[in-house]
């Protein structure tokens, strides 16, 4: 009868834990980036709304490529 290869099992378990941890960190980073974009886009929309109220539209910026 063959003996169990505990070293192989341990390595597979470690790899699974490492992958799970990396996925968790990746998801956490994505959530953090997503929250930052949402907040900044909401703030910029609020700033745009405040500046557009009661003011005349400004001239568009000159295009440096022309």
Foldseek 3Di string as FASTA:
>chain_A
DDDDDVVVVVVVVVVVVVVVVVVVVVVVVVVVVVVVVVVVVVVVVVVVVVVVPPDDDDDDDDDPVD
